[in-house]
Amino acid sequence: MRLNPFDTSKINVGTTGGGGGVRRGGSIGCGGIVVVLIGALVFGVDPGQMIGAMEGAQGGGGQQVSASEDEQAICSSNAYASESCAALTSLNETWAVRFQQEGMGERFRQPRLEFATAQRFNTGCGEGNVGMGPFYCPADETMYIDVGFYDQLAQMSGERGDFARVYVVAHEYAHHVQTITGVSDSIRSAQSQNPRRSNQLQVLMELHADCYAGVWAGLNRNLIEPGDLQEGMNAASAIGDDRLSGGRLSQESFTHGSSQQRMAALRLGLDSGSSDRCDNEILNIR
């Protein structure tokens, strides 16, 4: 994807501290990620505890890239950081315009992106860990990314193209959009009212985020290069619940959706470029 260079005047970026820089590698491998996900999804094990134990056994390590809390330095730390910052710049620009077009310009606010540089760090949602993979915390409206995850994603999906990586950033950004539009609150309320449908509703929220990631790409179709769509499809397929669990989970236990569901949601957003289509065809809440 031919993203324009990042613009630090249009993004809010930092690190989780801990004396390191934006990392390349040093996290648990893709096999470890799968083990952690199976433990969390099948056995209900706390993923943070599992990752901590596994990293302790591995002895840590990994390349550290020097960085300060200067946004230019952070985003220039390595190619993955620059790419993530460029994606964030585009996401902010695209969604700000989208909110204006829908008459909700006053509701738009940017999320913060923090690169995971400390082994463990505090977030508004509790303790984070570099091995947890990218996640969004609604309590502090921050996306947390350990760029080492991108190498693990490439091993799982077979894709090393940039679109697979920016899809991940766009998915986490979509959770921010869900937060500021009230979608997240609506789903949480529905889950509390009907706990037996909690997993099903969680899947809908994740598929909705996949669709919104596709909307961003669809609205920037002029930047898409040959092969990008397939990269995104392969990445979405690689992180489906059925594939990550090796078929150990029943559909009722899914939390993010099957590979086919995730690919279909991403394609719906990309082909339509319409957040309304995502709302109506996936959530059907508006």
Protein backbone atom coordinates (compact mmCIF):
# COMPACT_ATOMS: atom_id res chain seq x y z
CA MET A 1 0.00 0.00 0.00
CA ARG A 2 1.51 3.30 -1.09
CA LEU A 3 1.02 5.20 2.15
CA ASN A 4 2.26 8.76 2.36
CA PRO A 5 5.04 9.43 4.88
CA PHE A 6 3.93 9.83 8.48
CA ASP A 7 3.19 13.32 9.79
CA THR A 8 3.82 13.68 13.52
CA SER A 9 1.68 16.83 13.64
CA LYS A 10 -1.34 14.64 12.84
CA ILE A 11 -0.75 11.72 15.21
CA ASN A 12 -0.34 11.04 18.92
CA VAL A 13 2.49 8.55 19.44
CA GLY A 14 4.62 7.33 22.33
CA THR A 15 6.19 4.24 23.87
CA THR A 16 5.45 2.25 26.97
CA GLY A 17 8.87 3.15 28.39
CA GLY A 18 11.11 0.76 30.22
CA GLY A 19 14.42 1.96 28.82
CA GLY A 20 14.09 0.30 25.43
CA GLY A 21 13.19 1.50 21.99
CA VAL A 22 10.72 0.28 19.42
CA ARG A 23 11.54 -3.42 19.24
CA ARG A 24 12.12 -5.70 16.29
CA GLY A 25 11.82 -9.24 17.59
CA GLY A 26 12.46 -10.52 21.11
CA SER A 27 8.88 -11.64 21.73
CA ILE A 28 7.73 -15.21 21.91
CA GLY A 29 7.50 -16.95 18.55
CA CYS A 30 4.39 -17.65 16.51
CA GLY A 31 4.14 -21.11 18.03
CA GLY A 32 4.10 -19.53 21.46
CA ILE A 33 1.41 -17.07 20.39
CA VAL A 34 -0.77 -19.98 19.24
CA VAL A 35 -0.20 -21.82 22.52
CA VAL A 36 -1.17 -18.73 24.49
CA LEU A 37 -4.31 -18.19 22.43
CA ILE A 38 -5.36 -21.81 22.79
CA GLY A 39 -4.78 -21.60 26.53
CA ALA A 40 -6.87 -18.45 26.78
CA LEU A 41 -9.68 -19.56 24.46
CA VAL A 42 -9.96 -23.23 25.40
CA PHE A 43 -8.86 -23.39 29.01
CA GLY A 44 -9.57 -19.86 30.23
CA VAL A 45 -5.95 -19.24 31.21
CA ASP A 46 -4.82 -15.63 31.70
CA PRO A 47 -2.73 -14.92 28.56
CA GLY A 48 -0.57 -12.39 30.38
CA GLN A 49 0.48 -14.99 32.93
CA MET A 50 1.20 -17.59 30.24
CA ILE A 51 3.31 -15.18 28.21
CA GLY A 52 5.22 -14.07 31.27
CA ALA A 53 6.09 -17.66 32.15
CA MET A 54 7.12 -18.48 28.59
CA GLU A 55 9.28 -15.37 28.27
CA GLY A 56 10.89 -16.11 31.60
CA ALA A 57 11.85 -19.54 30.32
CA GLN A 58 13.23 -18.04 27.10
CA GLY A 59 15.27 -15.45 28.94
CA GLY A 60 14.04 -12.41 27.04
CA GLY A 61 16.50 -10.84 24.62
CA GLY A 62 15.80 -9.31 21.25
CA GLN A 63 17.09 -6.33 19.36
CA GLN A 64 16.43 -2.91 20.88
CA VAL A 65 16.36 0.24 18.79
CA SER A 66 17.24 3.45 20.57
CA ALA A 67 14.37 5.90 20.78
CA SER A 68 13.20 8.80 22.90
CA GLU A 69 9.72 10.09 23.56
CA ASP A 70 10.21 12.43 20.60
CA GLU A 71 7.54 11.36 18.10
CA GLN A 72 9.82 11.80 15.09
CA ALA A 73 12.46 9.56 16.68
CA ILE A 74 9.88 6.96 17.69
CA CYS A 75 8.35 6.73 14.24
CA SER A 76 11.78 6.62 12.61
CA SER A 77 13.10 3.84 14.87
CA ASN A 78 12.64 1.12 12.25
CA ALA A 79 10.65 0.32 9.14
CA TYR A 80 7.73 -1.22 11.05
CA ALA A 81 7.41 1.82 13.30
CA SER A 82 7.50 4.19 10.31
CA GLU A 83 4.88 2.10 8.52
CA SER A 84 2.61 2.05 11.58
CA CYS A 85 2.92 5.82 12.00
CA ALA A 86 2.16 6.34 8.31
CA ALA A 87 -0.92 4.13 8.63
CA LEU A 88 -2.03 6.06 11.72
CA THR A 89 -1.64 9.36 9.86
CA SER A 90 -3.86 8.08 7.06
CA LEU A 91 -6.39 6.58 9.46
CA ASN A 92 -6.75 9.86 11.35
CA GLU A 93 -7.21 11.82 8.14
CA THR A 94 -9.69 9.34 6.66
CA TRP A 95 -11.89 8.88 9.73
CA ALA A 96 -11.92 12.61 10.58
CA VAL A 97 -13.39 13.29 7.12
CA ARG A 98 -15.82 10.40 7.50
CA PHE A 99 -17.11 11.77 10.80
CA GLN A 100 -17.56 15.21 9.24
CA GLN A 101 -19.51 13.71 6.34
CA GLU A 102 -21.84 11.94 8.78
CA GLY A 103 -22.44 15.12 10.80
CA MET A 104 -20.47 13.80 13.79
CA GLY A 105 -17.32 15.89 13.42
CA GLU A 106 -17.47 17.07 17.01
CA ARG A 107 -17.36 13.47 18.24
CA PHE A 108 -14.14 12.58 16.49
CA ARG A 109 -10.94 12.43 18.51
CA GLN A 110 -7.67 10.74 17.71
CA PRO A 111 -6.48 7.63 19.52
CA ARG A 112 -2.98 7.36 20.89
CA LEU A 113 -0.52 4.78 19.60
CA GLU A 114 2.06 3.40 22.02
CA PHE A 115 4.75 1.02 20.88
CA ALA A 116 5.41 -1.68 23.47
CA THR A 117 9.02 -1.24 24.59
CA ALA A 118 8.80 -2.35 28.22
CA GLN A 119 8.45 -6.07 28.91
CA ARG A 120 5.40 -5.24 31.02
CA PHE A 121 3.53 -1.97 31.21
CA ASN A 122 0.40 -0.43 32.68
CA THR A 123 -2.62 0.53 30.60
CA GLY A 124 -6.05 1.86 31.42
CA CYS A 125 -7.26 -1.72 30.99
CA GLY A 126 -4.71 -3.38 33.26
CA GLU A 127 -1.22 -4.76 32.76
CA GLY A 128 0.06 -5.18 29.23
CA ASN A 129 2.88 -7.35 27.92
CA VAL A 130 4.99 -7.21 24.77
CA GLY A 131 3.97 -10.76 23.89
CA MET A 132 0.23 -10.07 23.88
CA GLY A 133 0.10 -8.78 20.33
CA PRO A 134 -1.61 -5.55 19.24
CA PHE A 135 -4.63 -4.44 21.27
CA TYR A 136 -6.78 -1.39 21.90
CA CYS A 137 -7.73 -0.17 25.37
CA PRO A 138 -10.96 1.87 25.42
CA ALA A 139 -10.29 3.17 28.94
CA ASP A 140 -7.30 5.25 27.78
CA GLU A 141 -8.21 5.26 24.05
CA THR A 142 -4.79 3.89 23.17
CA MET A 143 -3.58 1.29 20.70
CA TYR A 144 -0.64 -0.80 21.95
CA ILE A 145 1.58 -2.47 19.38
CA ASP A 146 4.68 -4.61 19.73
CA VAL A 147 6.09 -4.51 16.21
CA GLY A 148 7.69 -7.91 16.78
CA PHE A 149 4.18 -9.29 16.27
CA TYR A 150 4.43 -8.46 12.57
CA ASP A 151 7.17 -11.04 12.07
CA GLN A 152 5.04 -13.60 13.91
CA LEU A 153 2.04 -12.71 11.75
CA ALA A 154 4.16 -13.24 8.65
CA GLN A 155 5.09 -16.71 9.86
CA MET A 156 1.47 -17.59 10.60
CA SER A 157 -0.02 -16.17 7.43
CA GLY A 158 2.84 -16.57 4.99
CA GLU A 159 2.52 -12.89 4.17
CA ARG A 160 5.33 -10.36 4.53
CA GLY A 161 3.59 -7.64 2.54
CA ASP A 162 2.82 -4.30 4.13
CA PHE A 163 -0.95 -4.53 3.72
CA ALA A 164 -1.13 -7.45 6.14
CA ARG A 165 0.52 -5.24 8.77
CA VAL A 166 -1.46 -2.05 8.17
CA TYR A 167 -4.65 -4.13 8.30
CA VAL A 168 -3.74 -4.92 11.92
CA VAL A 169 -3.32 -1.21 12.72
CA ALA A 170 -6.60 -0.42 10.96
CA HIS A 171 -8.43 -3.14 12.93
CA GLU A 172 -7.24 -1.74 16.27
CA TYR A 173 -8.13 1.76 15.09
CA ALA A 174 -11.61 0.48 14.27
CA HIS A 175 -12.07 -0.45 17.93
CA HIS A 176 -11.40 3.21 18.73
CA VAL A 177 -14.08 4.26 16.25
CA GLN A 178 -16.45 1.81 17.94
CA THR A 179 -15.65 3.42 21.28
CA ILE A 180 -16.28 7.03 20.27
CA THR A 181 -19.44 6.20 18.32
CA GLY A 182 -20.97 4.17 21.15
CA VAL A 183 -20.93 0.83 19.32
CA SER A 184 -18.75 -0.72 22.02
CA ASP A 185 -21.09 0.45 24.79
CA SER A 186 -24.09 -0.96 22.92
CA ILE A 187 -22.45 -4.35 22.57
CA ARG A 188 -21.26 -4.42 26.18
CA SER A 189 -24.78 -3.57 27.32
CA ALA A 190 -26.22 -6.36 25.19
CA GLN A 191 -23.67 -8.79 26.63
CA SER A 192 -24.60 -7.88 30.19
CA GLN A 193 -28.29 -8.32 29.41
CA ASN A 194 -27.78 -11.65 27.70
CA PRO A 195 -24.59 -13.35 29.00
CA ARG A 196 -25.31 -16.52 27.04
CA ARG A 197 -24.78 -14.53 23.82
CA SER A 198 -21.62 -12.83 25.10
CA ASN A 199 -19.23 -14.67 22.78
CA GLN A 200 -21.51 -14.27 19.79
CA LEU A 201 -21.74 -10.53 20.40
CA GLN A 202 -17.97 -10.29 20.87
CA VAL A 203 -17.50 -11.96 17.49
CA LEU A 204 -19.81 -9.39 15.92
CA MET A 205 -17.74 -6.57 17.39
CA GLU A 206 -14.52 -8.05 16.04
CA LEU A 207 -15.98 -8.68 12.59
CA HIS A 208 -17.34 -5.13 12.61
CA ALA A 209 -13.79 -3.89 13.31
CA ASP A 210 -12.49 -6.01 10.42
CA CYS A 211 -15.11 -4.43 8.19
CA TYR A 212 -14.15 -0.91 9.32
CA ALA A 213 -10.51 -1.74 8.58
CA GLY A 214 -11.65 -2.60 5.08
CA VAL A 215 -13.63 0.66 4.84
CA TRP A 216 -10.46 2.65 5.46
CA ALA A 217 -8.65 0.70 2.74
CA GLY A 218 -11.61 1.07 0.38
CA LEU A 219 -11.69 4.83 0.89
CA ASN A 220 -7.99 4.91 -0.02
CA ARG A 221 -8.25 2.56 -2.96
CA ASN A 222 -5.91 4.79 -4.98
CA LEU A 223 -3.12 3.74 -2.61
CA ILE A 224 -3.74 -0.01 -2.94
CA GLU A 225 -1.22 -1.98 -4.98
CA PRO A 226 -1.58 -5.33 -6.77
CA GLY A 227 -1.49 -8.14 -4.25
CA ASP A 228 -2.59 -6.01 -1.28
CA LEU A 229 -6.06 -7.52 -1.08
CA GLN A 230 -4.71 -11.06 -1.00
CA GLU A 231 -2.22 -10.07 1.71
CA GLY A 232 -5.09 -8.78 3.82
CA MET A 233 -7.20 -11.87 3.20
CA ASN A 234 -4.34 -14.15 4.19
CA ALA A 235 -3.71 -12.16 7.37
CA ALA A 236 -7.40 -12.22 8.29
CA SER A 237 -7.51 -15.95 7.65
CA ALA A 238 -4.43 -16.60 9.79
CA ILE A 239 -5.99 -15.03 12.89
CA GLY A 240 -9.41 -16.69 12.70
CA ASP A 241 -10.44 -18.53 15.87
CA ASP A 242 -10.79 -21.84 14.05
CA ARG A 243 -7.31 -21.68 12.58
CA LEU A 244 -5.59 -20.36 15.72
CA SER A 245 -7.11 -23.09 17.85
CA GLY A 246 -6.38 -25.82 15.32
CA GLY A 247 -10.05 -26.77 15.25
CA ARG A 248 -10.23 -27.24 19.02
CA LEU A 249 -12.93 -24.61 19.50
CA SER A 250 -16.61 -24.91 18.70
CA GLN A 251 -18.18 -21.94 16.96
CA GLU A 252 -20.03 -21.07 20.17
CA SER A 253 -16.66 -20.47 21.82
CA PHE A 254 -15.29 -18.11 19.16
CA THR A 255 -14.35 -14.59 20.24
CA HIS A 256 -13.09 -13.08 16.97
CA GLY A 257 -14.76 -15.11 14.23
CA SER A 258 -13.66 -17.84 11.88
CA SER A 259 -11.13 -17.31 9.12
CA GLN A 260 -13.93 -17.20 6.55
CA GLN A 261 -15.94 -14.70 8.59
CA ARG A 262 -12.97 -12.41 9.07
CA MET A 263 -12.07 -12.46 5.40
CA ALA A 264 -15.69 -11.77 4.40
CA ALA A 265 -15.95 -8.82 6.81
CA LEU A 266 -12.72 -7.27 5.55
CA ARG A 267 -13.83 -7.70 1.95
CA LEU A 268 -17.25 -6.14 2.65
CA GLY A 269 -15.64 -2.99 4.00
CA LEU A 270 -13.02 -2.79 1.28
CA ASP A 271 -15.40 -3.39 -1.62
CA SER A 272 -18.07 -1.01 -0.32
CA GLY A 273 -16.01 1.68 1.42
CA SER A 274 -19.14 2.18 3.51
CA SER A 275 -19.30 2.13 7.31
CA ASP A 276 -23.10 1.99 6.98
CA ARG A 277 -22.79 -1.36 5.20
CA CYS A 278 -20.70 -2.66 8.09
CA ASP A 279 -23.25 -1.40 10.63
CA ASN A 280 -26.25 -2.80 8.81
CA GLU A 281 -24.91 -6.10 7.52
CA ILE A 282 -22.78 -7.13 10.49
CA LEU A 283 -24.25 -5.44 13.56
CA ASN A 284 -27.69 -4.45 12.32
CA ILE A 285 -27.90 -2.01 15.22
CA ARG A 286 -28.70 1.23 13.39
